[in-house]
Amino acid sequence: MSQANTPSRAGIFLEASKKLRQDFERVKNLPHHGEKGREAENILKIFLKEHLPKRFDVASGFILDQSDQVSNQTDVIVYDASSCPLLETYEDNLIIPSDNAAVVIEVKSNLTAADIKDAADKIAQIKSLKKSAIDLPPGPWNINTIGIVFAFKSTLSIETVGSHADIDCSYTGGKGICSDTNVSS
């Protein structure tokens, strides 16, 4: 095998990113903003299902904690499918226990200042839901749900998007930023 054909993680991720952007480019031709948003969410869900370990699944829906507090509707929820009871299923939404919600993603076609505030508020509300502690030494540990904002384009700087305390990661137009605030003891 020649050096040019040797796979690399960077090359594989770059190709996957290119395909994702190409799929999103098609969506911008839809004339209805609501449908454009729904298609963007579906593209991201398909992409994640193809690339995440099989232990995880992806859906839209709601998160419910042990105190029966429920989240707002969430664009994309990545959850531990290997141990997750689906509390309720509908055609386009699931209700998932908070203990099984690993990641929530708010998807925007064009991220504005109002959108980032709305996404940060939704993520903060989800993070306020109770989760069971995991009792591993030197724990117990509280594993927080990771909150991500995913946008195809924005006039906001990535630093502005990343400056919201409850947003752990953001991806906007090919650039991303993450913080390390997911685990506490």
N, C-alpha and C. Protein backbone atom coordinates (compact mmCIF):
# COMPACT_ATOMS: atom_id res chain seq x y z
N MET A 1 0.85 -1.17 0.00
CA MET A 1 0.00 0.00 0.00
C MET A 1 0.90 1.24 0.00
N SER A 2 0.62 2.14 -0.89
CA SER A 2 1.43 3.35 -0.95
C SER A 2 1.10 4.28 0.21
N GLN A 3 2.04 5.16 0.52
CA GLN A 3 1.86 6.11 1.63
C GLN A 3 0.62 6.98 1.42
N ALA A 4 0.30 7.34 0.17
CA ALA A 4 -0.85 8.20 -0.12
C ALA A 4 -2.18 7.51 0.21
N ASN A 5 -2.21 6.17 0.18
CA ASN A 5 -3.44 5.43 0.45
C ASN A 5 -3.55 4.95 1.89
N THR A 6 -2.61 5.29 2.74
CA THR A 6 -2.65 4.88 4.12
C THR A 6 -3.69 5.70 4.87
N PRO A 7 -4.65 5.03 5.50
CA PRO A 7 -5.69 5.79 6.21
C PRO A 7 -5.12 6.44 7.46
N SER A 8 -5.71 7.56 7.82
CA SER A 8 -5.37 8.22 9.08
C SER A 8 -6.67 8.68 9.73
N ARG A 9 -6.65 8.82 11.05
CA ARG A 9 -7.85 9.30 11.74
C ARG A 9 -8.23 10.68 11.25
N ALA A 10 -7.24 11.55 11.07
CA ALA A 10 -7.52 12.92 10.61
C ALA A 10 -8.18 12.88 9.23
N GLY A 11 -7.67 12.03 8.34
CA GLY A 11 -8.24 11.93 7.00
C GLY A 11 -9.66 11.37 7.01
N ILE A 12 -9.89 10.38 7.86
CA ILE A 12 -11.23 9.78 7.96
C ILE A 12 -12.21 10.80 8.51
N PHE A 13 -11.82 11.53 9.57
CA PHE A 13 -12.70 12.56 10.13
C PHE A 13 -12.96 13.68 9.13
N LEU A 14 -11.94 14.05 8.37
CA LEU A 14 -12.11 15.10 7.37
C LEU A 14 -13.13 14.69 6.31
N GLU A 15 -13.04 13.45 5.84
CA GLU A 15 -14.00 12.97 4.83
C GLU A 15 -15.41 12.90 5.40
N ALA A 16 -15.56 12.45 6.64
CA ALA A 16 -16.88 12.40 7.26
C ALA A 16 -17.45 13.80 7.41
N SER A 17 -16.61 14.75 7.79
CA SER A 17 -17.04 16.14 7.94
C SER A 17 -17.47 16.74 6.60
N LYS A 18 -16.73 16.44 5.55
CA LYS A 18 -17.10 16.93 4.21
C LYS A 18 -18.47 16.40 3.79
N LYS A 19 -18.70 15.10 4.04
CA LYS A 19 -19.99 14.51 3.67
C LYS A 19 -21.12 15.16 4.45
N LEU A 20 -20.91 15.38 5.75
CA LEU A 20 -21.93 16.03 6.57
C LEU A 20 -22.25 17.43 6.04
N ARG A 21 -21.23 18.19 5.71
CA ARG A 21 -21.46 19.55 5.17
C ARG A 21 -22.19 19.50 3.83
N GLN A 22 -21.85 18.52 2.98
CA GLN A 22 -22.53 18.38 1.69
C GLN A 22 -24.02 18.08 1.90
N ASP A 23 -24.31 17.21 2.84
CA ASP A 23 -25.71 16.87 3.13
C ASP A 23 -26.46 18.11 3.62
N PHE A 24 -25.82 18.92 4.44
CA PHE A 24 -26.46 20.14 4.94
C PHE A 24 -26.65 21.18 3.85
N GLU A 25 -25.75 21.23 2.90
CA GLU A 25 -25.89 22.18 1.80
C GLU A 25 -27.19 21.95 1.03
N ARG A 26 -27.57 20.69 0.88
CA ARG A 26 -28.83 20.38 0.18
C ARG A 26 -30.03 20.95 0.92
N VAL A 27 -29.99 20.98 2.24
CA VAL A 27 -31.12 21.41 3.06
C VAL A 27 -31.45 22.88 2.86
N LYS A 28 -30.45 23.70 2.57
CA LYS A 28 -30.72 25.14 2.48
C LYS A 28 -31.62 25.51 1.30
N ASN A 29 -31.90 24.58 0.41
CA ASN A 29 -32.82 24.84 -0.70
C ASN A 29 -34.29 24.69 -0.31
N LEU A 30 -34.55 24.13 0.88
CA LEU A 30 -35.95 24.00 1.32
C LEU A 30 -36.52 25.38 1.65
N PRO A 31 -37.72 25.68 1.18
CA PRO A 31 -38.29 27.02 1.39
C PRO A 31 -38.92 27.24 2.76
N HIS A 32 -39.15 26.20 3.54
CA HIS A 32 -39.83 26.33 4.83
C HIS A 32 -38.83 26.14 5.97
N HIS A 33 -38.71 27.15 6.85
CA HIS A 33 -37.70 27.12 7.91
C HIS A 33 -37.90 25.95 8.87
N GLY A 34 -39.14 25.64 9.23
CA GLY A 34 -39.39 24.54 10.14
C GLY A 34 -38.95 23.21 9.56
N GLU A 35 -39.29 22.99 8.28
CA GLU A 35 -38.89 21.75 7.62
C GLU A 35 -37.39 21.70 7.40
N LYS A 36 -36.79 22.85 7.12
CA LYS A 36 -35.35 22.93 6.96
C LYS A 36 -34.66 22.49 8.26
N GLY A 37 -35.17 22.97 9.39
CA GLY A 37 -34.62 22.59 10.68
C GLY A 37 -34.78 21.12 10.97
N ARG A 38 -35.96 20.58 10.66
CA ARG A 38 -36.22 19.15 10.89
C ARG A 38 -35.29 18.29 10.03
N GLU A 39 -35.09 18.68 8.78
CA GLU A 39 -34.18 17.93 7.91
C GLU A 39 -32.75 17.99 8.42
N ALA A 40 -32.33 19.17 8.90
CA ALA A 40 -30.97 19.32 9.45
C ALA A 40 -30.79 18.40 10.66
N GLU A 41 -31.79 18.34 11.53
CA GLU A 41 -31.73 17.45 12.69
C GLU A 41 -31.62 15.99 12.24
N ASN A 42 -32.40 15.61 11.23
CA ASN A 42 -32.37 14.23 10.74
C ASN A 42 -31.02 13.87 10.14
N ILE A 43 -30.42 14.80 9.41
CA ILE A 43 -29.10 14.54 8.84
C ILE A 43 -28.09 14.29 9.94
N LEU A 44 -28.12 15.11 10.98
CA LEU A 44 -27.18 14.94 12.09
C LEU A 44 -27.45 13.62 12.82
N LYS A 45 -28.73 13.27 13.03
CA LYS A 45 -29.05 12.01 13.70
C LYS A 45 -28.53 10.81 12.90
N ILE A 46 -28.72 10.83 11.60
CA ILE A 46 -28.23 9.74 10.76
C ILE A 46 -26.72 9.65 10.83
N PHE A 47 -26.05 10.79 10.75
CA PHE A 47 -24.60 10.83 10.83
C PHE A 47 -24.11 10.22 12.15
N LEU A 48 -24.74 10.63 13.25
CA LEU A 48 -24.33 10.11 14.56
C LEU A 48 -24.59 8.61 14.68
N LYS A 49 -25.74 8.15 14.20
CA LYS A 49 -26.05 6.72 14.25
C LYS A 49 -25.01 5.90 13.49
N GLU A 50 -24.50 6.46 12.40
CA GLU A 50 -23.50 5.76 11.59
C GLU A 50 -22.13 5.74 12.25
N HIS A 51 -21.85 6.71 13.15
CA HIS A 51 -20.49 6.86 13.66
C HIS A 51 -20.32 6.60 15.15
N LEU A 52 -21.38 6.59 15.92
CA LEU A 52 -21.26 6.34 17.36
C LEU A 52 -21.17 4.83 17.63
N PRO A 53 -20.57 4.44 18.75
CA PRO A 53 -20.60 3.03 19.13
C PRO A 53 -22.04 2.54 19.23
N LYS A 54 -22.27 1.29 18.92
CA LYS A 54 -23.62 0.72 18.89
C LYS A 54 -24.33 0.78 20.24
N ARG A 55 -23.57 0.96 21.31
CA ARG A 55 -24.16 1.09 22.64
C ARG A 55 -25.09 2.31 22.72
N PHE A 56 -24.83 3.30 21.89
CA PHE A 56 -25.60 4.53 21.92
C PHE A 56 -26.60 4.59 20.77
N ASP A 57 -27.70 5.28 21.02
CA ASP A 57 -28.68 5.54 19.97
C ASP A 57 -28.99 7.03 20.00
N VAL A 58 -29.72 7.46 19.01
CA VAL A 58 -29.98 8.88 18.80
C VAL A 58 -31.46 9.07 18.52
N ALA A 59 -32.05 10.10 19.14
CA ALA A 59 -33.47 10.38 18.94
C ALA A 59 -33.73 11.86 19.22
N SER A 60 -34.92 12.29 18.90
CA SER A 60 -35.44 13.57 19.36
C SER A 60 -36.43 13.25 20.47
N GLY A 61 -36.65 14.22 21.35
CA GLY A 61 -37.65 13.96 22.37
C GLY A 61 -37.47 14.73 23.64
N PHE A 62 -37.78 14.05 24.74
CA PHE A 62 -37.83 14.68 26.06
C PHE A 62 -37.05 13.82 27.04
N ILE A 63 -36.55 14.45 28.10
CA ILE A 63 -35.82 13.76 29.15
C ILE A 63 -36.60 13.93 30.44
N LEU A 64 -36.77 12.83 31.16
CA LEU A 64 -37.55 12.81 32.41
C LEU A 64 -36.66 12.33 33.55
N ASP A 65 -36.66 13.07 34.68
CA ASP A 65 -35.84 12.64 35.81
C ASP A 65 -36.66 11.90 36.86
N GLN A 66 -36.00 11.48 37.96
CA GLN A 66 -36.65 10.68 39.00
C GLN A 66 -37.73 11.46 39.75
N SER A 67 -37.68 12.79 39.68
CA SER A 67 -38.69 13.63 40.34
C SER A 67 -39.83 14.01 39.40
N ASP A 68 -39.88 13.36 38.25
CA ASP A 68 -40.89 13.62 37.22
C ASP A 68 -40.81 15.01 36.62
N GLN A 69 -39.61 15.61 36.67
CA GLN A 69 -39.37 16.86 35.96
C GLN A 69 -39.02 16.49 34.52
N VAL A 70 -39.59 17.22 33.56
CA VAL A 70 -39.38 16.88 32.16
C VAL A 70 -38.74 18.06 31.42
N SER A 71 -37.87 17.74 30.50
CA SER A 71 -37.19 18.77 29.71
C SER A 71 -38.12 19.33 28.64
N ASN A 72 -37.68 20.41 28.04
CA ASN A 72 -38.32 20.89 26.82
C ASN A 72 -37.98 19.89 25.71
N GLN A 73 -38.65 20.01 24.58
CA GLN A 73 -38.34 19.16 23.44
C GLN A 73 -36.89 19.42 23.04
N THR A 74 -36.16 18.34 22.78
CA THR A 74 -34.74 18.42 22.46
C THR A 74 -34.51 17.90 21.05
N ASP A 75 -33.74 18.68 20.26
CA ASP A 75 -33.51 18.32 18.86
C ASP A 75 -32.88 16.95 18.72
N VAL A 76 -31.77 16.71 19.42
CA VAL A 76 -31.06 15.44 19.33
C VAL A 76 -30.63 15.02 20.73
N ILE A 77 -30.97 13.79 21.09
CA ILE A 77 -30.53 13.20 22.35
C ILE A 77 -29.72 11.96 22.01
N VAL A 78 -28.49 11.90 22.51
CA VAL A 78 -27.68 10.69 22.41
C VAL A 78 -27.84 9.99 23.76
N TYR A 79 -28.29 8.74 23.74
CA TYR A 79 -28.56 8.05 24.99
C TYR A 79 -27.98 6.65 24.97
N ASP A 80 -27.76 6.12 26.18
CA ASP A 80 -27.21 4.79 26.36
C ASP A 80 -28.33 3.79 26.09
N ALA A 81 -28.35 3.25 24.88
CA ALA A 81 -29.43 2.35 24.47
C ALA A 81 -29.31 0.96 25.11
N SER A 82 -28.11 0.62 25.59
CA SER A 82 -27.92 -0.72 26.14
C SER A 82 -28.63 -0.91 27.48
N SER A 83 -28.92 0.20 28.17
CA SER A 83 -29.57 0.06 29.48
C SER A 83 -30.73 1.04 29.66
N CYS A 84 -31.27 1.53 28.57
CA CYS A 84 -32.29 2.58 28.65
C CYS A 84 -33.69 2.05 28.40
N PRO A 85 -34.55 2.16 29.41
CA PRO A 85 -35.96 1.88 29.13
C PRO A 85 -36.55 3.08 28.40
N LEU A 86 -37.26 2.83 27.33
CA LEU A 86 -37.93 3.91 26.64
C LEU A 86 -39.27 4.11 27.34
N LEU A 87 -39.37 5.22 28.03
CA LEU A 87 -40.56 5.44 28.85
C LEU A 87 -41.80 5.65 28.00
N GLU A 88 -41.62 6.27 26.85
CA GLU A 88 -42.76 6.50 25.95
C GLU A 88 -42.18 6.73 24.57
N THR A 89 -42.82 6.16 23.57
CA THR A 89 -42.36 6.37 22.20
C THR A 89 -43.49 6.92 21.36
N TYR A 90 -43.13 7.85 20.52
CA TYR A 90 -44.06 8.45 19.57
C TYR A 90 -43.40 8.36 18.21
N GLU A 91 -44.07 8.80 17.18
CA GLU A 91 -43.51 8.69 15.84
C GLU A 91 -42.17 9.42 15.73
N ASP A 92 -42.09 10.64 16.23
CA ASP A 92 -40.87 11.44 16.07
C ASP A 92 -40.16 11.77 17.38
N ASN A 93 -40.67 11.33 18.51
CA ASN A 93 -40.09 11.69 19.81
C ASN A 93 -40.11 10.52 20.77
N LEU A 94 -39.10 10.48 21.65
CA LEU A 94 -39.05 9.52 22.75
C LEU A 94 -39.03 10.28 24.06
N ILE A 95 -39.40 9.62 25.13
CA ILE A 95 -39.17 10.14 26.48
C ILE A 95 -38.15 9.20 27.11
N ILE A 96 -37.02 9.78 27.52
CA ILE A 96 -35.87 9.01 27.97
C ILE A 96 -35.53 9.40 29.41
N PRO A 97 -35.18 8.43 30.26
CA PRO A 97 -34.77 8.76 31.64
C PRO A 97 -33.49 9.61 31.64
N SER A 98 -33.42 10.55 32.57
CA SER A 98 -32.25 11.44 32.64
C SER A 98 -30.95 10.67 32.85
N ASP A 99 -30.99 9.57 33.58
CA ASP A 99 -29.77 8.80 33.82
C ASP A 99 -29.16 8.25 32.53
N ASN A 100 -29.94 8.09 31.50
CA ASN A 100 -29.45 7.52 30.25
C ASN A 100 -29.09 8.55 29.20
N ALA A 101 -29.40 9.81 29.44
CA ALA A 101 -29.10 10.87 28.47
C ALA A 101 -27.64 11.26 28.58
N ALA A 102 -26.85 10.96 27.56
CA ALA A 102 -25.42 11.27 27.57
C ALA A 102 -25.15 12.65 27.00
N VAL A 103 -25.82 12.98 25.89
CA VAL A 103 -25.56 14.22 25.17
C VAL A 103 -26.87 14.77 24.64
N VAL A 104 -27.02 16.09 24.72
CA VAL A 104 -28.13 16.76 24.03
C VAL A 104 -27.53 17.76 23.05
N ILE A 105 -28.16 17.86 21.89
CA ILE A 105 -27.66 18.75 20.84
C ILE A 105 -28.80 19.61 20.33
N GLU A 106 -28.58 20.90 20.37
CA GLU A 106 -29.50 21.85 19.74
C GLU A 106 -28.94 22.16 18.36
N VAL A 107 -29.75 21.96 17.33
CA VAL A 107 -29.32 22.10 15.94
C VAL A 107 -29.93 23.37 15.36
N LYS A 108 -29.09 24.18 14.73
CA LYS A 108 -29.56 25.42 14.09
C LYS A 108 -28.96 25.50 12.70
N SER A 109 -29.77 25.93 11.74
CA SER A 109 -29.24 26.15 10.39
C SER A 109 -28.35 27.38 10.37
N ASN A 110 -28.84 28.48 10.95
CA ASN A 110 -28.09 29.73 11.02
C ASN A 110 -28.18 30.25 12.45
N LEU A 111 -27.11 30.14 13.20
CA LEU A 111 -27.10 30.47 14.61
C LEU A 111 -27.03 31.99 14.83
N THR A 112 -28.02 32.52 15.54
CA THR A 112 -28.05 33.94 15.87
C THR A 112 -27.84 34.11 17.37
N ALA A 113 -27.69 35.36 17.82
CA ALA A 113 -27.53 35.63 19.25
C ALA A 113 -28.75 35.15 20.03
N ALA A 114 -29.95 35.33 19.47
CA ALA A 114 -31.17 34.85 20.14
C ALA A 114 -31.18 33.33 20.21
N ASP A 115 -30.73 32.66 19.14
CA ASP A 115 -30.69 31.19 19.12
C ASP A 115 -29.73 30.64 20.17
N ILE A 116 -28.56 31.29 20.31
CA ILE A 116 -27.58 30.77 21.26
C ILE A 116 -28.10 30.91 22.68
N LYS A 117 -28.80 31.99 22.97
CA LYS A 117 -29.38 32.17 24.31
C LYS A 117 -30.45 31.11 24.55
N ASP A 118 -31.32 30.89 23.56
CA ASP A 118 -32.36 29.87 23.67
C ASP A 118 -31.75 28.48 23.86
N ALA A 119 -30.72 28.15 23.09
CA ALA A 119 -30.07 26.84 23.21
C ALA A 119 -29.41 26.69 24.58
N ALA A 120 -28.74 27.74 25.05
CA ALA A 120 -28.09 27.69 26.37
C ALA A 120 -29.13 27.49 27.47
N ASP A 121 -30.27 28.17 27.35
CA ASP A 121 -31.35 28.02 28.34
C ASP A 121 -31.90 26.59 28.34
N LYS A 122 -32.11 26.01 27.15
CA LYS A 122 -32.60 24.63 27.06
C LYS A 122 -31.61 23.64 27.66
N ILE A 123 -30.33 23.84 27.35
CA ILE A 123 -29.30 22.95 27.88
C ILE A 123 -29.21 23.09 29.39
N ALA A 124 -29.28 24.33 29.91
CA ALA A 124 -29.24 24.55 31.37
C ALA A 124 -30.40 23.83 32.04
N GLN A 125 -31.58 23.89 31.43
CA GLN A 125 -32.75 23.24 32.02
C GLN A 125 -32.56 21.73 32.05
N ILE A 126 -31.98 21.16 31.01
CA ILE A 126 -31.72 19.72 30.97
C ILE A 126 -30.68 19.34 32.02
N LYS A 127 -29.64 20.16 32.16
CA LYS A 127 -28.61 19.87 33.16
C LYS A 127 -29.13 20.00 34.59
N SER A 128 -30.23 20.70 34.77
CA SER A 128 -30.81 20.83 36.11
C SER A 128 -31.62 19.60 36.51
N LEU A 129 -31.91 18.72 35.55
CA LEU A 129 -32.64 17.49 35.87
C LEU A 129 -31.76 16.59 36.73
N LYS A 130 -32.37 15.91 37.68
CA LYS A 130 -31.62 15.04 38.58
C LYS A 130 -31.15 13.77 37.86
N LYS A 131 -29.93 13.35 38.21
CA LYS A 131 -29.37 12.10 37.72
C LYS A 131 -28.84 11.34 38.92
N SER A 132 -28.86 10.02 38.85
CA SER A 132 -28.30 9.19 39.91
C SER A 132 -26.78 9.27 39.87
N ALA A 133 -26.17 9.31 41.05
CA ALA A 133 -24.71 9.28 41.13
C ALA A 133 -24.22 7.87 40.83
N ILE A 134 -23.04 7.78 40.25
CA ILE A 134 -22.42 6.49 39.96
C ILE A 134 -21.40 6.25 41.06
N ASP A 135 -21.55 5.14 41.79
CA ASP A 135 -20.72 4.88 42.96
C ASP A 135 -19.49 4.06 42.59
N LEU A 136 -18.47 4.76 42.06
CA LEU A 136 -17.18 4.14 41.75
C LEU A 136 -16.11 4.88 42.54
N PRO A 137 -15.15 4.16 43.13
CA PRO A 137 -14.10 4.84 43.90
C PRO A 137 -13.35 5.82 43.00
N PRO A 138 -12.94 6.97 43.42
CA PRO A 138 -13.14 7.53 44.74
C PRO A 138 -14.42 8.33 44.83
N GLY A 139 -15.44 7.98 44.07
CA GLY A 139 -16.70 8.70 43.94
C GLY A 139 -17.51 8.74 45.20
N PRO A 140 -18.78 8.96 45.14
CA PRO A 140 -19.60 8.83 43.93
C PRO A 140 -19.38 10.00 42.95
N TRP A 141 -19.64 9.71 41.69
CA TRP A 141 -19.46 10.67 40.61
C TRP A 141 -20.82 11.07 40.06
N ASN A 142 -20.92 12.32 39.70
CA ASN A 142 -22.10 12.80 38.99
C ASN A 142 -21.69 13.04 37.55
N ILE A 143 -22.27 12.29 36.64
CA ILE A 143 -21.97 12.43 35.23
C ILE A 143 -23.04 13.32 34.61
N ASN A 144 -22.65 14.51 34.26
CA ASN A 144 -23.61 15.46 33.69
C ASN A 144 -23.88 15.15 32.22
N THR A 145 -25.04 15.50 31.76
CA THR A 145 -25.36 15.41 30.35
C THR A 145 -24.58 16.49 29.63
N ILE A 146 -23.92 16.13 28.54
CA ILE A 146 -23.14 17.08 27.75
C ILE A 146 -24.10 17.87 26.87
N GLY A 147 -23.92 19.19 26.82
CA GLY A 147 -24.76 20.07 25.99
C GLY A 147 -23.98 20.63 24.83
N ILE A 148 -24.48 20.43 23.63
CA ILE A 148 -23.79 20.85 22.40
C ILE A 148 -24.73 21.71 21.56
N VAL A 149 -24.18 22.73 20.93
CA VAL A 149 -24.89 23.51 19.92
C VAL A 149 -24.21 23.22 18.59
N PHE A 150 -25.00 22.83 17.61
CA PHE A 150 -24.49 22.48 16.29
C PHE A 150 -25.16 23.38 15.27
N ALA A 151 -24.37 24.18 14.57
CA ALA A 151 -24.93 25.09 13.57
C ALA A 151 -24.14 24.98 12.28
N PHE A 152 -24.83 25.18 11.19
CA PHE A 152 -24.17 25.10 9.89
C PHE A 152 -23.50 26.40 9.51
N LYS A 153 -24.06 27.49 10.00
CA LYS A 153 -23.40 28.78 9.79
C LYS A 153 -23.85 29.74 10.87
N SER A 154 -23.03 30.78 11.06
CA SER A 154 -23.33 31.78 12.06
C SER A 154 -22.43 32.99 11.84
N THR A 155 -22.93 34.15 12.22
CA THR A 155 -22.10 35.35 12.21
C THR A 155 -21.43 35.53 13.56
N LEU A 156 -21.82 34.71 14.55
CA LEU A 156 -21.21 34.79 15.88
C LEU A 156 -19.84 34.13 15.87
N SER A 157 -18.93 34.64 16.66
CA SER A 157 -17.62 33.99 16.78
C SER A 157 -17.78 32.71 17.58
N ILE A 158 -16.90 31.77 17.34
CA ILE A 158 -16.94 30.51 18.07
C ILE A 158 -16.70 30.76 19.56
N GLU A 159 -15.93 31.77 19.89
CA GLU A 159 -15.69 32.11 21.29
C GLU A 159 -16.96 32.63 21.96
N THR A 160 -17.76 33.42 21.23
CA THR A 160 -19.03 33.92 21.76
C THR A 160 -19.97 32.75 22.04
N VAL A 161 -20.04 31.84 21.10
CA VAL A 161 -20.89 30.67 21.27
C VAL A 161 -20.40 29.85 22.46
N GLY A 162 -19.09 29.66 22.57
CA GLY A 162 -18.52 28.85 23.63
C GLY A 162 -18.49 29.53 24.99
N SER A 163 -18.84 30.81 25.06
CA SER A 163 -18.76 31.53 26.32
C SER A 163 -19.94 31.25 27.26
N HIS A 164 -20.95 30.56 26.78
CA HIS A 164 -22.10 30.22 27.62
C HIS A 164 -21.74 29.02 28.49
N ALA A 165 -21.87 29.18 29.81
CA ALA A 165 -21.38 28.20 30.77
C ALA A 165 -22.01 26.81 30.59
N ASP A 166 -23.26 26.73 30.18
CA ASP A 166 -23.92 25.43 30.09
C ASP A 166 -23.67 24.71 28.76
N ILE A 167 -23.05 25.39 27.81
CA ILE A 167 -22.74 24.76 26.53
C ILE A 167 -21.33 24.18 26.63
N ASP A 168 -21.24 22.85 26.55
CA ASP A 168 -19.95 22.17 26.69
C ASP A 168 -19.16 22.18 25.39
N CYS A 169 -19.86 22.06 24.27
CA CYS A 169 -19.21 22.07 22.96
C CYS A 169 -20.08 22.81 21.98
N SER A 170 -19.44 23.43 21.02
CA SER A 170 -20.21 24.03 19.93
C SER A 170 -19.45 23.80 18.64
N TYR A 171 -20.23 23.61 17.60
CA TYR A 171 -19.68 23.41 16.26
C TYR A 171 -20.44 24.35 15.35
N THR A 172 -19.72 25.24 14.72
CA THR A 172 -20.35 26.22 13.85
C THR A 172 -19.54 26.36 12.57
N GLY A 173 -20.14 25.99 11.45
CA GLY A 173 -19.51 26.21 10.15
C GLY A 173 -18.11 25.63 10.01
N GLY A 174 -17.88 24.46 10.56
CA GLY A 174 -16.59 23.81 10.40
C GLY A 174 -15.60 24.08 11.52
N LYS A 175 -15.98 24.87 12.51
CA LYS A 175 -15.10 25.15 13.64
C LYS A 175 -15.78 24.72 14.92
N GLY A 176 -14.99 24.20 15.85
CA GLY A 176 -15.57 23.75 17.10
C GLY A 176 -14.76 24.17 18.30
N ILE A 177 -15.42 24.18 19.46
CA ILE A 177 -14.75 24.50 20.72
C ILE A 177 -15.43 23.68 21.80
N CYS A 178 -14.65 23.13 22.72
CA CYS A 178 -15.21 22.33 23.82
C CYS A 178 -14.57 22.75 25.14
N SER A 179 -15.34 22.56 26.21
CA SER A 179 -14.80 22.75 27.56
C SER A 179 -14.87 21.41 28.27
N ASP A 180 -14.22 21.30 29.41
CA ASP A 180 -14.17 20.03 30.13
C ASP A 180 -14.88 20.19 31.47
N THR A 181 -16.23 20.14 31.43
CA THR A 181 -17.01 20.38 32.65
C THR A 181 -18.06 19.30 32.89
N ASN A 182 -17.82 18.08 32.46
CA ASN A 182 -18.86 17.07 32.46
C ASN A 182 -18.93 16.18 33.69
N VAL A 183 -17.84 16.09 34.47
CA VAL A 183 -17.80 15.17 35.59
C VAL A 183 -17.45 15.94 36.86
N SER A 184 -18.16 15.64 37.93
CA SER A 184 -17.81 16.22 39.22
C SER A 184 -17.91 15.14 40.28
N SER A 185 -17.10 15.30 41.30
CA SER A 185 -17.14 14.30 42.38
C SER A 185 -17.65 14.95 43.65
